[in-house]
N, C-alpha and C. Protein backbone atom coordinates (compact mmCIF):
# COMPACT_ATOMS: atom_id res chain seq x y z
N MET A 1 -24.28 7.26 -5.21
CA MET A 1 -23.60 5.77 -4.80
C MET A 1 -24.32 5.12 -4.01
N SER A 2 -24.09 3.80 -4.07
CA SER A 2 -24.49 2.92 -2.85
C SER A 2 -23.75 3.03 -1.22
N ARG A 3 -24.43 2.55 -0.48
CA ARG A 3 -23.51 2.37 0.93
C ARG A 3 -22.52 0.88 0.12
N LYS A 4 -23.47 0.23 -0.70
CA LYS A 4 -22.46 -1.12 -0.88
C LYS A 4 -21.44 -0.82 -1.99
N ALA A 5 -21.41 -0.14 -2.87
CA ALA A 5 -20.49 0.26 -4.01
C ALA A 5 -19.38 1.30 -2.76
N LEU A 6 -19.70 2.13 -1.74
CA LEU A 6 -18.67 2.67 -1.29
C LEU A 6 -17.72 1.69 -0.74
N GLU A 7 -18.62 0.55 0.34
CA GLU A 7 -18.05 -0.62 0.91
C GLU A 7 -16.97 -1.41 -0.25
N GLN A 8 -17.25 -1.49 -0.99
CA GLN A 8 -16.80 -2.57 -1.81
C GLN A 8 -15.36 -1.66 -2.28
N LEU A 9 -15.39 0.02 -2.67
CA LEU A 9 -14.52 0.55 -3.01
C LEU A 9 -13.31 0.70 -1.73
N GLN A 10 -13.91 0.74 -0.42
CA GLN A 10 -13.00 1.05 0.52
C GLN A 10 -12.06 -0.33 0.74
N GLU A 11 -12.99 -1.22 0.62
CA GLU A 11 -11.62 -2.76 0.68
C GLU A 11 -11.38 -2.95 -0.48
N SER A 12 -11.65 -2.32 -1.43
CA SER A 12 -10.52 -2.41 -2.51
C SER A 12 -9.50 -1.47 -2.41
N VAL A 13 -9.62 -0.78 -2.06
CA VAL A 13 -8.34 0.14 -1.77
C VAL A 13 -7.58 0.05 -0.51
N HIS A 14 -8.02 -0.60 0.49
CA HIS A 14 -7.41 -1.30 1.27
C HIS A 14 -6.86 -2.50 0.93
N GLY A 15 -7.17 -3.47 0.06
CA GLY A 15 -6.55 -4.62 -0.86
C GLY A 15 -5.43 -3.79 -1.09
N ARG A 16 -5.36 -2.72 -2.32
CA ARG A 16 -4.20 -2.30 -2.80
C ARG A 16 -2.74 -1.78 -1.81
N SER A 17 -3.81 -1.17 -0.61
CA SER A 17 -2.82 -0.83 0.62
C SER A 17 -1.76 -1.83 1.07
N THR A 18 -2.36 -3.16 1.16
CA THR A 18 -2.09 -4.23 1.83
C THR A 18 -0.81 -5.07 0.57
N ASP A 19 -1.63 -4.93 -0.32
CA ASP A 19 -0.30 -5.33 -1.92
C ASP A 19 1.02 -4.69 -1.56
N LEU A 20 0.71 -3.00 -1.33
CA LEU A 20 2.01 -2.43 -1.26
C LEU A 20 2.65 -3.08 -0.27
N VAL A 21 2.36 -3.30 0.99
CA VAL A 21 3.31 -3.42 2.31
C VAL A 21 4.08 -4.72 1.71
N LYS A 22 2.60 -5.87 1.23
CA LYS A 22 3.69 -7.12 0.98
C LYS A 22 4.56 -7.10 0.17
N LEU A 23 4.66 -6.21 -0.75
CA LEU A 23 5.47 -5.90 -1.96
C LEU A 23 7.16 -5.35 -1.59
N LYS A 24 6.87 -4.82 -0.55
CA LYS A 24 7.92 -3.83 0.11
C LYS A 24 8.51 -5.08 1.28
N ASP A 25 7.99 -6.33 1.30
CA ASP A 25 8.04 -7.11 2.51
C ASP A 25 9.01 -7.92 1.48
N GLY A 26 8.77 -8.37 0.47
CA GLY A 26 9.50 -9.00 -0.31
C GLY A 26 8.49 -10.16 -0.47
N LYS A 27 7.19 -10.30 -0.26
CA LYS A 27 6.34 -11.35 -0.10
C LYS A 27 5.30 -10.93 -1.57
N PRO A 28 4.74 -12.15 -1.96
CA PRO A 28 3.99 -11.75 -3.31
C PRO A 28 2.73 -11.04 -2.90
N ALA A 29 2.34 -10.33 -3.78
CA ALA A 29 1.39 -9.35 -3.63
C ALA A 29 -0.03 -9.71 -4.58
N GLY A 30 0.37 -10.89 -4.89
CA GLY A 30 -1.14 -11.19 -5.98
C GLY A 30 -0.69 -12.45 -6.41
N LYS A 31 -1.50 -13.24 -6.91
CA LYS A 31 -1.38 -14.79 -7.68
C LYS A 31 -0.56 -14.45 -8.70
N ALA A 32 -0.55 -13.30 -9.52
CA ALA A 32 0.52 -14.01 -10.55
C ALA A 32 1.47 -13.88 -10.41
N ALA A 33 2.60 -13.02 -9.26
CA ALA A 33 3.82 -13.34 -9.14
C ALA A 33 4.06 -14.13 -8.08
N PRO A 34 4.86 -15.55 -8.15
CA PRO A 34 4.97 -16.44 -6.93
C PRO A 34 6.09 -15.86 -6.03
N GLU A 35 7.27 -15.17 -6.51
CA GLU A 35 7.60 -14.55 -5.34
C GLU A 35 8.98 -13.25 -5.82
N PHE A 36 9.14 -12.75 -4.94
CA PHE A 36 9.66 -10.86 -5.20
C PHE A 36 10.95 -11.09 -4.71
N GLY A 37 11.48 -12.22 -3.82
CA GLY A 37 12.82 -11.97 -3.35
C GLY A 37 12.54 -11.38 -2.06
N PRO A 38 13.55 -10.84 -1.10
CA PRO A 38 14.05 -10.53 0.18
C PRO A 38 13.08 -8.64 -0.04
N ALA A 39 12.76 -8.56 1.03
CA ALA A 39 12.44 -7.18 1.64
C ALA A 39 13.60 -6.02 0.95
N PHE A 40 13.32 -4.65 0.50
CA PHE A 40 14.03 -3.62 0.22
C PHE A 40 13.55 -2.71 0.75
N PRO A 41 14.36 -1.48 1.18
CA PRO A 41 15.84 -1.91 0.61
C PRO A 41 16.48 -3.12 1.21
N ALA A 42 17.40 -4.03 0.33
CA ALA A 42 18.15 -5.17 0.82
C ALA A 42 19.39 -4.71 1.34
N LYS A 43 19.93 -3.38 1.20
CA LYS A 43 21.52 -3.20 1.76
C LYS A 43 21.88 -4.47 0.98
N GLN A 44 22.50 -3.94 0.10
CA GLN A 44 23.15 -4.76 -0.84
C GLN A 44 24.89 -4.87 -0.59
N LYS A 45 25.60 -5.73 0.01
CA LYS A 45 26.95 -5.78 0.00
C LYS A 45 27.78 -5.90 -1.39
N ALA A 46 28.74 -5.37 -1.39
CA ALA A 46 29.79 -5.25 -2.46
C ALA A 46 30.02 -6.47 -2.96
N LYS A 47 30.23 -7.39 -2.22
CA LYS A 47 30.50 -8.91 -2.49
C LYS A 47 29.99 -9.76 -3.40
N ILE A 48 28.41 -9.12 -3.28
CA ILE A 48 27.71 -9.52 -4.41
C ILE A 48 27.92 -9.34 -5.56
N PHE A 49 28.58 -8.60 -6.07
CA PHE A 49 28.71 -8.70 -7.36
C PHE A 49 30.29 -9.11 -7.51
N GLY A 50 30.99 -10.00 -7.34
CA GLY A 50 32.96 -10.49 -7.36
C GLY A 50 33.44 -9.82 -7.06
N ASP A 51 34.49 -9.81 -8.08
CA ASP A 51 35.85 -9.32 -7.97
C ASP A 51 35.75 -7.77 -8.40
N LEU A 52 34.64 -7.30 -8.77
CA LEU A 52 34.25 -5.74 -10.03
C LEU A 52 35.34 -4.45 -8.84
N ALA A 53 36.03 -3.94 -10.35
CA ALA A 53 36.88 -2.66 -9.89
C ALA A 53 35.79 -1.84 -8.62
N ASP A 54 34.57 -1.92 -8.92
CA ASP A 54 33.34 -0.74 -8.41
C ASP A 54 32.50 -1.71 -7.76
N SER A 55 32.62 -2.44 -7.12
CA SER A 55 31.58 -3.64 -6.89
C SER A 55 31.17 -2.45 -5.73
N GLY A 56 31.75 -2.12 -4.86
CA GLY A 56 31.30 -1.06 -3.59
C GLY A 56 30.13 0.01 -4.23
N ALA A 57 30.85 0.47 -5.38
CA ALA A 57 29.79 1.69 -5.95
C ALA A 57 28.82 1.34 -6.60
N LEU A 58 28.47 -0.25 -7.21
CA LEU A 58 27.59 -0.31 -7.65
C LEU A 58 26.73 -1.21 -6.49
N ALA A 59 26.88 -1.55 -5.47
CA ALA A 59 26.18 -1.92 -4.43
C ALA A 59 25.28 -0.48 -3.71
N THR A 60 26.40 0.53 -3.42
CA THR A 60 25.62 1.74 -3.00
C THR A 60 24.55 1.96 -4.36
N ALA A 61 24.57 2.16 -5.45
CA ALA A 61 23.90 2.45 -6.36
C ALA A 61 22.57 1.96 -6.35
N VAL A 62 22.84 0.17 -5.98
CA VAL A 62 21.74 -0.39 -5.93
C VAL A 62 20.62 -0.11 -4.73
N ASP A 63 21.34 0.09 -3.97
CA ASP A 63 20.94 0.56 -2.36
C ASP A 63 20.13 1.55 -2.74
N GLY A 64 20.68 2.87 -3.47
CA GLY A 64 19.94 3.85 -3.98
C GLY A 64 18.44 3.74 -4.36
N VAL A 65 18.84 2.85 -5.54
CA VAL A 65 17.75 2.76 -6.36
C VAL A 65 16.36 1.87 -5.25
N GLU A 66 16.92 0.95 -4.39
CA GLU A 66 15.82 0.35 -3.59
C GLU A 66 15.52 1.44 -2.52
N LYS A 67 15.85 2.21 -2.09
CA LYS A 67 15.50 2.67 -1.17
C LYS A 67 14.72 3.90 -1.62
N LYS A 68 14.82 4.25 -2.69
CA LYS A 68 13.81 5.37 -3.14
C LYS A 68 12.53 4.65 -3.55
N ALA A 69 12.51 3.39 -4.64
CA ALA A 69 11.33 2.17 -4.65
C ALA A 69 10.76 2.18 -3.15
N GLY A 70 11.50 2.06 -2.35
CA GLY A 70 10.71 1.92 -0.94
C GLY A 70 10.13 3.30 -0.51
N ASP A 71 10.73 4.00 -0.55
CA ASP A 71 10.03 5.34 -0.40
C ASP A 71 8.85 5.60 -1.03
N GLN A 72 9.05 5.57 -2.20
CA GLN A 72 7.68 5.48 -3.62
C GLN A 72 6.57 4.65 -2.69
N LEU A 73 6.85 3.39 -2.41
CA LEU A 73 5.82 1.99 -2.18
C LEU A 73 5.24 3.08 -0.68
N ASP A 74 6.12 3.47 0.33
CA ASP A 74 5.48 3.96 1.59
C ASP A 74 4.71 5.03 1.03
N ASP A 75 5.06 6.27 0.53
CA ASP A 75 4.18 7.12 -0.31
C ASP A 75 3.07 6.62 -0.87
N ALA A 76 2.87 5.39 -1.61
CA ALA A 76 1.65 5.25 -2.22
C ALA A 76 0.82 4.99 -1.15
N LYS A 77 1.08 3.97 -0.08
CA LYS A 77 0.76 3.33 0.62
C LYS A 77 0.11 4.26 1.82
N GLU A 78 0.86 5.63 2.02
CA GLU A 78 -0.12 6.73 2.57
C GLU A 78 -1.30 7.39 1.91
N ARG A 79 -1.10 7.26 0.56
CA ARG A 79 -2.21 7.76 -0.11
C ARG A 79 -3.29 6.69 -0.09
N LEU A 80 -3.17 6.03 0.01
CA LEU A 80 -4.36 5.05 -0.42
C LEU A 80 -4.94 4.84 1.10
N ASP A 81 -4.14 4.86 2.17
CA ASP A 81 -5.08 5.66 3.75
C ASP A 81 -5.35 6.26 3.63
N ASP A 82 -5.33 7.41 3.34
CA ASP A 82 -5.95 8.53 3.23
C ASP A 82 -7.24 8.59 2.24
N VAL A 83 -6.65 7.41 1.53
CA VAL A 83 -8.46 7.40 0.79
C VAL A 83 -9.39 6.69 1.25
N GLU A 84 -8.53 5.52 1.98
CA GLU A 84 -9.45 4.45 2.59
C GLU A 84 -10.06 5.34 3.83
N ARG A 85 -9.46 6.26 4.51
CA ARG A 85 -10.17 7.16 5.65
C ARG A 85 -11.39 8.31 5.01
N ALA A 86 -10.92 8.47 4.04
CA ALA A 86 -12.20 9.20 3.27
C ALA A 86 -13.12 8.72 3.48
N LEU A 87 -13.22 7.50 1.92
CA LEU A 87 -14.24 6.95 2.24
C LEU A 87 -14.95 6.20 3.30
N ASP A 88 -14.69 5.84 4.08
CA ASP A 88 -15.06 5.91 5.76
C ASP A 88 -15.80 6.87 5.99
N GLN A 89 -15.05 8.21 6.26
CA GLN A 89 -16.10 9.27 6.33
C GLN A 89 -16.77 9.53 5.81
N VAL A 90 -17.09 8.76 4.72
CA VAL A 90 -18.06 9.46 3.36
C VAL A 90 -19.53 8.25 3.80
N ARG A 91 -18.95 6.93 4.18
CA ARG A 91 -19.61 6.04 4.49
C ARG A 91 -20.35 6.57 5.95
N ARG A 92 -19.94 7.01 6.79
CA ARG A 92 -20.13 7.62 8.03
C ARG A 92 -21.15 8.91 7.85
N ASN A 93 -20.72 9.79 7.06
CA ASN A 93 -21.79 10.70 7.09
C ASN A 93 -22.66 10.35 6.07
N LEU A 94 -22.87 9.35 5.49
CA LEU A 94 -24.21 8.96 4.55
C LEU A 94 -25.36 7.89 5.97
N ARG A 95 -24.51 7.42 6.36
CA ARG A 95 -25.25 6.67 7.62
C ARG A 95 -25.80 7.73 8.98
N ASP A 96 -25.09 8.71 9.25
CA ASP A 96 -25.59 9.93 9.59
C ASP A 96 -26.82 10.50 9.25
N ALA A 97 -26.52 10.93 8.15
CA ALA A 97 -27.67 11.55 7.19
C ALA A 97 -28.72 10.84 7.20
N ASP A 98 -28.65 9.54 6.81
CA ASP A 98 -29.66 8.72 6.49
C ASP A 98 -30.76 8.56 8.32
N THR A 99 -29.77 8.30 9.32
CA THR A 99 -30.23 8.26 10.36
C THR A 99 -31.09 9.52 10.81
N ALA A 100 -30.59 10.73 11.09
CA ALA A 100 -31.13 12.11 11.10
C ALA A 100 -32.32 12.18 10.15
N SER A 101 -32.52 12.04 9.18
CA SER A 101 -33.99 12.15 8.83
C SER A 101 -34.54 10.92 8.21
N THR A 102 -34.17 9.75 9.14
CA THR A 102 -35.06 8.73 9.60
C THR A 102 -36.53 9.05 10.62
N PRO A 103 -37.89 8.96 9.92
CA PRO A 103 -38.43 9.74 11.08
C PRO A 103 -39.05 8.92 12.02
N LYS A 104 -38.97 9.59 13.32
CA LYS A 104 -39.10 9.07 14.72
C LYS A 104 -40.41 8.08 15.07
N ASP A 105 -40.48 7.05 15.19
CA ASP A 105 -41.76 6.15 15.56
C ASP A 105 -42.42 7.16 16.81
N PRO A 106 -43.79 7.72 16.22
CA PRO A 106 -44.00 8.58 17.86
C PRO A 106 -44.95 7.46 18.55
N SER A 107 -44.36 6.15 18.65
CA SER A 107 -45.25 5.06 19.91
C SER A 107 -44.45 4.94 20.46
């Protein structure tokens, strides 16, 4: 694998990690989606559901779903960050190996 390919892969992983942060913050993660709405978990208020008898329970359930999704986005971002760090270490190791194996100029 070439250094350029590793660099491009690392940049791609970083880009996906950034997209997850944007998604969680309620910002468009890409050109395909113009708006994602507010950040989540949004902490819904019961009044958003009108005069439903169980609007408080519904708001609590929505908050639970949003928290779970937010937690999963955080986990995915952590994993992508780990991959990015590992790719950086591979690139450093390759650079160090190349430097060590390059003959020194005797002059």
